[in-house]
C-alpha atoms as a PDB file:
ATOM      1  CA  MET A   1      19.345  -6.862   1.562  1.00  0.00           C
ATOM      2  CA  LYS A   2      18.805  -5.642  -1.933  1.00  0.00           C
ATOM      3  CA  ALA A   3      16.795  -8.112  -3.997  1.00  0.00           C
ATOM      4  CA  PRO A   4      17.689  -8.589  -7.656  1.00  0.00           C
ATOM      5  CA  ILE A   5      15.537  -6.618 -10.060  1.00  0.00           C
ATOM      6  CA  LEU A   6      13.271  -8.719 -12.200  1.00  0.00           C
ATOM      7  CA  ALA A   7      13.303  -8.024 -15.909  1.00  0.00           C
ATOM      8  CA  ALA A   8      10.129  -8.422 -17.900  1.00  0.00           C
ATOM      9  CA  SER A   9      12.233 -10.015 -20.603  1.00  0.00           C
ATOM     10  CA  THR A  10      12.631 -13.097 -18.399  1.00  0.00           C
ATOM     11  CA  LEU A  11       9.118 -14.180 -19.339  1.00  0.00           C
ATOM     12  CA  LEU A  12       9.065 -17.287 -21.496  1.00  0.00           C
ATOM     13  CA  LEU A  13       7.369 -16.483 -24.779  1.00  0.00           C
ATOM     14  CA  VAL A  14       5.907 -19.010 -27.173  1.00  0.00           C
ATOM     15  CA  LEU A  15       4.009 -18.236 -30.307  1.00  0.00           C
ATOM     16  CA  GLY A  16       0.246 -18.657 -30.003  1.00  0.00           C
ATOM     17  CA  GLY A  17      -2.399 -21.073 -31.196  1.00  0.00           C
ATOM     18  CA  CYS A  18      -1.188 -24.671 -31.321  1.00  0.00           C
ATOM     19  CA  ALA A  19       2.352 -23.675 -32.173  1.00  0.00           C
ATOM     20  CA  SER A  20       5.146 -25.135 -30.108  1.00  0.00           C
ATOM     21  CA  LYS A  21       8.140 -23.193 -28.753  1.00  0.00           C
ATOM     22  CA  GLY A  22       9.973 -21.321 -31.486  1.00  0.00           C
ATOM     23  CA  GLU A  23       7.372 -21.834 -34.217  1.00  0.00           C
ATOM     24  CA  VAL A  24       5.629 -18.990 -36.001  1.00  0.00           C
ATOM     25  CA  ASP A  25       1.838 -19.070 -35.931  1.00  0.00           C
ATOM     26  CA  ALA A  26       0.208 -17.909 -39.177  1.00  0.00           C
ATOM     27  CA  THR A  27      -2.369 -15.868 -37.210  1.00  0.00           C
ATOM     28  CA  GLY A  28       0.372 -13.699 -35.700  1.00  0.00           C
ATOM     29  CA  GLY A  29      -0.712 -14.187 -32.107  1.00  0.00           C
ATOM     30  CA  ILE A  30       1.645 -14.180 -29.158  1.00  0.00           C
ATOM     31  CA  THR A  31       0.944 -15.968 -25.905  1.00  0.00           C
ATOM     32  CA  ALA A  32       2.931 -15.051 -22.798  1.00  0.00           C
ATOM     33  CA  VAL A  33       3.376 -18.222 -20.799  1.00  0.00           C
ATOM     34  CA  ARG A  34       4.098 -17.500 -17.145  1.00  0.00           C
ATOM     35  CA  SER A  35       3.593 -19.280 -13.877  1.00  0.00           C
ATOM     36  CA  VAL A  36       1.887 -17.881 -10.783  1.00  0.00           C
ATOM     37  CA  CYS A  37       4.492 -19.768  -8.746  1.00  0.00           C
ATOM     38  CA  PRO A  38       7.341 -17.526  -7.554  1.00  0.00           C
ATOM     39  CA  SER A  39      10.831 -18.044  -8.891  1.00  0.00           C
ATOM     40  CA  VAL A  40      13.346 -19.203  -6.287  1.00  0.00           C
ATOM     41  CA  ALA A  41      16.901 -17.936  -5.808  1.00  0.00           C
ATOM     42  CA  ILE A  42      19.642 -17.056  -3.324  1.00  0.00           C
ATOM     43  CA  PRO A  43      20.349 -13.297  -3.199  1.00  0.00           C
ATOM     44  CA  ALA A  44      23.909 -12.208  -3.862  1.00  0.00           C
ATOM     45  CA  ALA A  45      26.298 -12.429  -0.878  1.00  0.00           C
ATOM     46  CA  THR A  46      23.861 -14.423   1.318  1.00  0.00           C
ATOM     47  CA  GLY A  47      24.659 -17.972   0.190  1.00  0.00           C
ATOM     48  CA  ASP A  48      27.564 -18.477   2.581  1.00  0.00           C
ATOM     49  CA  VAL A  49      28.469 -17.477   6.128  1.00  0.00           C
ATOM     50  CA  THR A  50      31.753 -17.394   8.059  1.00  0.00           C
ATOM     51  CA  LEU A  51      32.114 -17.537  11.843  1.00  0.00           C
ATOM     52  CA  PHE A  52      35.374 -16.363  13.431  1.00  0.00           C
ATOM     53  CA  GLN A  53      37.300 -17.110  16.595  1.00  0.00           C
ATOM     54  CA  GLY A  54      38.102 -13.996  18.613  1.00  0.00           C
ATOM     55  CA  ALA A  55      38.431 -10.548  17.096  1.00  0.00           C
ATOM     56  CA  GLY A  56      40.471 -11.537  14.053  1.00  0.00           C
ATOM     57  CA  ARG A  57      38.916 -11.585  10.590  1.00  0.00           C
ATOM     58  CA  ASP A  58      41.699 -13.167   8.589  1.00  0.00           C
ATOM     59  CA  GLN A  59      41.959 -16.690   7.184  1.00  0.00           C
ATOM     60  CA  GLY A  60      43.662 -17.948  10.319  1.00  0.00           C
ATOM     61  CA  SER A  61      40.782 -16.780  12.535  1.00  0.00           C
ATOM     62  CA  ILE A  62      38.016 -18.705  10.757  1.00  0.00           C
ATOM     63  CA  ASP A  63      36.015 -20.971  13.057  1.00  0.00           C
ATOM     64  CA  VAL A  64      33.252 -22.332  10.814  1.00  0.00           C
ATOM     65  CA  ALA A  65      32.478 -21.668   7.141  1.00  0.00           C
ATOM     66  CA  ALA A  66      29.154 -22.799   5.651  1.00  0.00           C
ATOM     67  CA  LEU A  67      27.665 -22.812   2.175  1.00  0.00           C
ATOM     68  CA  MET A  68      24.019 -23.021   1.074  1.00  0.00           C
ATOM     69  CA  THR A  69      23.603 -25.155  -2.042  1.00  0.00           C
ATOM     70  CA  ASN A  70      21.289 -27.466  -3.990  1.00  0.00           C
ATOM     71  CA  VAL A  71      18.294 -25.147  -3.661  1.00  0.00           C
ATOM     72  CA  ARG A  72      15.091 -26.637  -5.068  1.00  0.00           C
ATOM     73  CA  SER A  73      11.389 -25.912  -4.760  1.00  0.00           C
ATOM     74  CA  SER A  74       7.920 -27.356  -5.155  1.00  0.00           C
ATOM     75  CA  CYS A  75       4.816 -25.273  -5.745  1.00  0.00           C
ATOM     76  CA  SER A  76       1.166 -25.968  -4.966  1.00  0.00           C
ATOM     77  CA  ASP A  77      -1.002 -23.705  -7.126  1.00  0.00           C
ATOM     78  CA  ALA A  78      -4.392 -25.414  -6.877  1.00  0.00           C
ATOM     79  CA  THR A  79      -5.891 -22.897  -4.421  1.00  0.00           C
ATOM     80  CA  ASP A  80      -6.185 -19.130  -4.010  1.00  0.00           C
ATOM     81  CA  GLN A  81      -3.076 -19.176  -1.812  1.00  0.00           C
ATOM     82  CA  ILE A  82      -0.078 -20.450  -3.756  1.00  0.00           C
ATOM     83  CA  GLY A  83       2.349 -22.283  -1.497  1.00  0.00           C
ATOM     84  CA  THR A  84       6.004 -22.802  -2.301  1.00  0.00           C
ATOM     85  CA  THR A  85       8.263 -25.103  -0.309  1.00  0.00           C
ATOM     86  CA  VAL A  86      11.984 -24.493  -0.673  1.00  0.00           C
ATOM     87  CA  THR A  87      14.580 -27.029   0.455  1.00  0.00           C
ATOM     88  CA  PHE A  88      18.338 -26.603   0.465  1.00  0.00           C
ATOM     89  CA  ASP A  89      21.526 -28.206   1.735  1.00  0.00           C
ATOM     90  CA  VAL A  90      24.033 -26.577   4.052  1.00  0.00           C
ATOM     91  CA  ARG A  91      27.624 -27.828   3.957  1.00  0.00           C
ATOM     92  CA  ALA A  92      30.024 -26.628   6.610  1.00  0.00           C
ATOM     93  CA  ARG A  93      33.693 -26.960   7.578  1.00  0.00           C
ATOM     94  CA  ARG A  94      35.198 -26.179  10.962  1.00  0.00           C
ATOM     95  CA  THR A  95      38.817 -25.485  11.885  1.00  0.00           C
ATOM     96  CA  ARG A  96      39.077 -27.182  15.281  1.00  0.00           C
ATOM     97  CA  THR A  97      38.037 -30.827  15.404  1.00  0.00           C
ATOM     98  CA  ASP A  98      38.965 -31.791  19.002  1.00  0.00           C
ATOM     99  CA  GLY A  99      35.405 -32.648  20.064  1.00  0.00           C
ATOM    100  CA  ALA A 100      31.810 -33.053  18.929  1.00  0.00           C
ATOM    101  CA  ARG A 101      29.991 -29.786  18.315  1.00  0.00           C
ATOM    102  CA  ASP A 102      26.590 -28.491  17.300  1.00  0.00           C
ATOM    103  CA  VAL A 103      26.190 -25.242  15.383  1.00  0.00           C
ATOM    104  CA  GLN A 104      22.954 -23.433  14.522  1.00  0.00           C
ATOM    105  CA  LEU A 105      22.877 -21.047  11.589  1.00  0.00           C
ATOM    106  CA  PRO A 106      19.949 -18.672  10.965  1.00  0.00           C
ATOM    107  CA  TYR A 107      18.463 -18.381   7.490  1.00  0.00           C
ATOM    108  CA  PHE A 108      15.618 -16.418   5.924  1.00  0.00           C
ATOM    109  CA  ILE A 109      12.987 -16.786   3.257  1.00  0.00           C
ATOM    110  CA  THR A 110      11.692 -13.561   1.763  1.00  0.00           C
ATOM    111  CA  VAL A 111       8.867 -12.977  -0.697  1.00  0.00           C
ATOM    112  CA  VAL A 112       9.743 -10.133  -3.071  1.00  0.00           C
ATOM    113  CA  ARG A 113       7.230  -8.535  -5.410  1.00  0.00           C
ATOM    114  CA  GLY A 114       8.195  -6.718  -8.574  1.00  0.00           C
ATOM    115  CA  GLY A 115      11.902  -7.206  -7.995  1.00  0.00           C
ATOM    116  CA  SER A 116      12.249  -4.859  -5.019  1.00  0.00           C
ATOM    117  CA  ALA A 117       9.275  -4.828  -2.612  1.00  0.00           C
ATOM    118  CA  VAL A 118       9.646  -7.235   0.335  1.00  0.00           C
ATOM    119  CA  VAL A 119       6.136  -8.389   1.255  1.00  0.00           C
ATOM    120  CA  ALA A 120       6.969 -11.173   3.739  1.00  0.00           C
ATOM    121  CA  LYS A 121       9.957 -12.561   5.592  1.00  0.00           C
ATOM    122  CA  ARG A 122      10.506 -15.493   7.936  1.00  0.00           C
ATOM    123  CA  ILE A 123      13.566 -16.577   9.896  1.00  0.00           C
ATOM    124  CA  GLY A 124      14.518 -20.203  10.547  1.00  0.00           C
ATOM    125  CA  ARG A 125      17.542 -22.103  11.830  1.00  0.00           C
ATOM    126  CA  VAL A 126      19.415 -25.077  10.464  1.00  0.00           C
ATOM    127  CA  SER A 127      21.308 -27.313  12.894  1.00  0.00           C
ATOM    128  CA  LEU A 128      24.683 -28.820  12.006  1.00  0.00           C
ATOM    129  CA  HIS A 129      26.375 -31.583  14.001  1.00  0.00           C
ATOM    130  CA  PHE A 130      30.116 -32.180  13.836  1.00  0.00           C
ATOM    131  CA  ASP A 131      31.283 -35.530  15.139  1.00  0.00           C
ATOM    132  CA  ALA A 132      34.442 -35.595  17.233  1.00  0.00           C
ATOM    133  CA  GLY A 133      37.479 -35.421  14.983  1.00  0.00           C
ATOM    134  CA  GLN A 134      35.437 -34.548  11.901  1.00  0.00           C
ATOM    135  CA  PRO A 135      35.876 -31.189  10.109  1.00  0.00           C
ATOM    136  CA  LEU A 136      32.777 -31.503   7.884  1.00  0.00           C
ATOM    137  CA  ALA A 137      29.038 -31.486   8.537  1.00  0.00           C
ATOM    138  CA  GLN A 138      25.951 -31.293   6.378  1.00  0.00           C
ATOM    139  CA  ALA A 139      22.269 -30.638   7.028  1.00  0.00           C
ATOM    140  CA  GLN A 140      19.117 -29.859   5.091  1.00  0.00           C
ATOM    141  CA  GLY A 141      16.901 -26.826   5.612  1.00  0.00           C
ATOM    142  CA  GLN A 142      13.357 -26.061   4.519  1.00  0.00           C
ATOM    143  CA  ALA A 143      11.273 -22.921   4.247  1.00  0.00           C
ATOM    144  CA  THR A 144       7.827 -22.069   2.917  1.00  0.00           C
ATOM    145  CA  ALA A 145       6.314 -19.018   1.255  1.00  0.00           C
ATOM    146  CA  THR A 146       2.761 -18.067   0.304  1.00  0.00           C
ATOM    147  CA  VAL A 147       1.598 -15.785  -2.502  1.00  0.00           C
ATOM    148  CA  SER A 148      -1.938 -14.688  -3.305  1.00  0.00           C
ATOM    149  CA  ARG A 149      -3.139 -15.996  -6.668  1.00  0.00           C
ATOM    150  CA  ALA A 150      -4.977 -12.720  -7.301  1.00  0.00           C
ATOM    151  CA  ALA A 151      -1.780 -10.721  -6.831  1.00  0.00           C
ATOM    152  CA  ALA A 152       0.204 -13.038  -9.122  1.00  0.00           C
ATOM    153  CA  THR A 153      -2.388 -13.018 -11.929  1.00  0.00           C
ATOM    154  CA  LEU A 154      -2.352 -10.478 -14.751  1.00  0.00           C
ATOM    155  CA  SER A 155      -5.533  -8.504 -15.318  1.00  0.00           C
ATOM    156  CA  ALA A 156      -7.689  -9.242 -18.363  1.00  0.00           C
ATOM    157  CA  ASP A 157      -6.749  -6.007 -20.143  1.00  0.00           C
ATOM    158  CA  VAL A 158      -3.031  -6.667 -19.741  1.00  0.00           C
ATOM    159  CA  ARG A 159      -3.432 -10.238 -20.972  1.00  0.00           C
ATOM    160  CA  GLU A 160      -5.319  -8.886 -23.986  1.00  0.00           C
ATOM    161  CA  LYS A 161      -2.444  -6.528 -24.826  1.00  0.00           C
ATOM    162  CA  LEU A 162       0.021  -9.387 -24.565  1.00  0.00           C
ATOM    163  CA  THR A 163      -1.973 -11.959 -26.532  1.00  0.00           C
ATOM    164  CA  ARG A 164      -3.836  -9.819 -29.080  1.00  0.00           C
ATOM    165  CA  LYS A 165      -3.448 -11.080 -32.647  1.00  0.00           C
ATOM    166  CA  ARG A 166      -1.003  -9.027 -34.693  1.00  0.00           C
ATOM    167  CA  LYS A 167      -0.650  -9.288 -38.464  1.00  0.00           C
ATOM    168  CA  ALA A 168       2.160  -8.137 -40.706  1.00  0.00           C
ATOM    169  CA  GLY A 169       1.458  -4.565 -41.790  1.00  0.00           C
ATOM    170  CA  ASP A 170      -0.362  -3.567 -38.587  1.00  0.00           C
ATOM    171  CA  GLN A 171       0.998  -0.369 -37.083  1.00  0.00           C
ATOM    172  CA  ASP A 172       2.074  -2.130 -33.879  1.00  0.00           C
ATOM    173  CA  ALA A 173       2.994  -5.485 -35.429  1.00  0.00           C
ATOM    174  CA  ALA A 174       6.676  -5.048 -34.646  1.00  0.00           C
ATOM    175  CA  VAL A 175       6.146  -3.486 -31.195  1.00  0.00           C
ATOM    176  CA  ASP A 176       6.937  -5.662 -28.196  1.00  0.00           C
ATOM    177  CA  PRO A 177       3.975  -5.230 -25.800  1.00  0.00           C
ATOM    178  CA  LEU A 178       6.397  -5.540 -22.884  1.00  0.00           C
ATOM    179  CA  SER A 179       8.001  -2.287 -24.039  1.00  0.00           C
ATOM    180  CA  GLN A 180       4.829  -0.428 -23.060  1.00  0.00           C
ATOM    181  CA  PRO A 181       5.306   1.068 -19.557  1.00  0.00           C
ATOM    182  CA  ASP A 182       1.849   0.096 -18.266  1.00  0.00           C
ATOM    183  CA  VAL A 183       2.205  -3.503 -19.442  1.00  0.00           C
ATOM    184  CA  ARG A 184       5.730  -3.797 -18.110  1.00  0.00           C
ATOM    185  CA  GLN A 185       4.718  -2.447 -14.704  1.00  0.00           C
ATOM    186  CA  ALA A 186       1.705  -4.762 -14.533  1.00  0.00           C
ATOM    187  CA  VAL A 187       3.911  -7.768 -15.279  1.00  0.00           C
ATOM    188  CA  LEU A 188       6.396  -6.680 -12.606  1.00  0.00           C
ATOM    189  CA  ARG A 189       3.631  -6.220 -10.019  1.00  0.00           C
ATOM    190  CA  ALA A 190       2.392  -9.748 -10.724  1.00  0.00           C
ATOM    191  CA  SER A 191       5.899 -11.260 -10.537  1.00  0.00           C
ATOM    192  CA  PHE A 192       7.129 -12.759  -7.262  1.00  0.00           C
ATOM    193  CA  GLU A 193      10.367 -14.288  -6.026  1.00  0.00           C
ATOM    194  CA  ALA A 194      10.994 -16.508  -3.019  1.00  0.00           C
ATOM    195  CA  LEU A 195      14.533 -15.722  -1.902  1.00  0.00           C
ATOM    196  CA  VAL A 196      16.456 -17.817   0.616  1.00  0.00           C
ATOM    197  CA  GLY A 197      19.829 -17.170   2.218  1.00  0.00           C
ATOM    198  CA  PHE A 198      21.698 -16.982   5.501  1.00  0.00           C
ATOM    199  CA  GLN A 199      20.491 -14.306   7.914  1.00  0.00           C
ATOM    200  CA  LEU A 200      23.715 -12.332   8.154  1.00  0.00           C
ATOM    201  CA  THR A 201      24.856  -9.484  10.347  1.00  0.00           C
ATOM    202  CA  ASP A 202      26.047  -6.277   8.713  1.00  0.00           C
ATOM    203  CA  GLU A 203      29.617  -7.364   9.424  1.00  0.00           C
ATOM    204  CA  GLN A 204      29.075 -10.769   7.791  1.00  0.00           C
ATOM    205  CA  LEU A 205      27.494  -9.164   4.722  1.00  0.00           C
ATOM    206  CA  LYS A 206      30.440  -6.795   4.427  1.00  0.00           C
ATOM    207  CA  TYR A 207      32.881  -9.696   4.721  1.00  0.00           C
ATOM    208  CA  ASN A 208      31.109 -11.621   1.959  1.00  0.00           C
ATOM    209  CA  ALA A 209      31.004  -8.577  -0.303  1.00  0.00           C
ATOM    210  CA  THR A 210      34.642  -7.533   0.109  1.00  0.00           C
ATOM    211  CA  ARG A 211      36.694 -10.722   0.584  1.00  0.00           C
END
């Protein structure tokens, strides 16, 4: 699984002092507003899974198809360990409906640092129940992730570079501090994602990527 690369430009910027979003502060300060809570997303090609009957891999061989949707999260950042709880819905359709059936689908939650480094991963299972004669089923899944506050917090010197007052005419007044390699790397190191998706086999990933 290749996690999406975070861009430093995704930080929400508001102009400093008592200014609100989009207003220019006469002192020329910039405050980078960011949360220590990880962003939550589904990695590409892992938000759905298809189970087949027999060896066929065409439309007529599909047994069960499921989709992960309605992903939402809550974050508790009051302690040194920041906890994020992710919930999601799984909606599934089966081809044969001649009896009741239970299906378990594995899913993962992964903590990614800096856009590419996987620092933790857990596997869970969501259970779906199809009533006799019914082609559709739905269930809810939940996963949790923990991030160290220290790791998600920018150092004082980096915060100073981001928030230092800049006045018109200063040599670096028009320079975006995030364009500086050391600042950009520090922001990436302190940026985390909690990624959820179906735990797919190589064959299932290939199917999702090429269908």
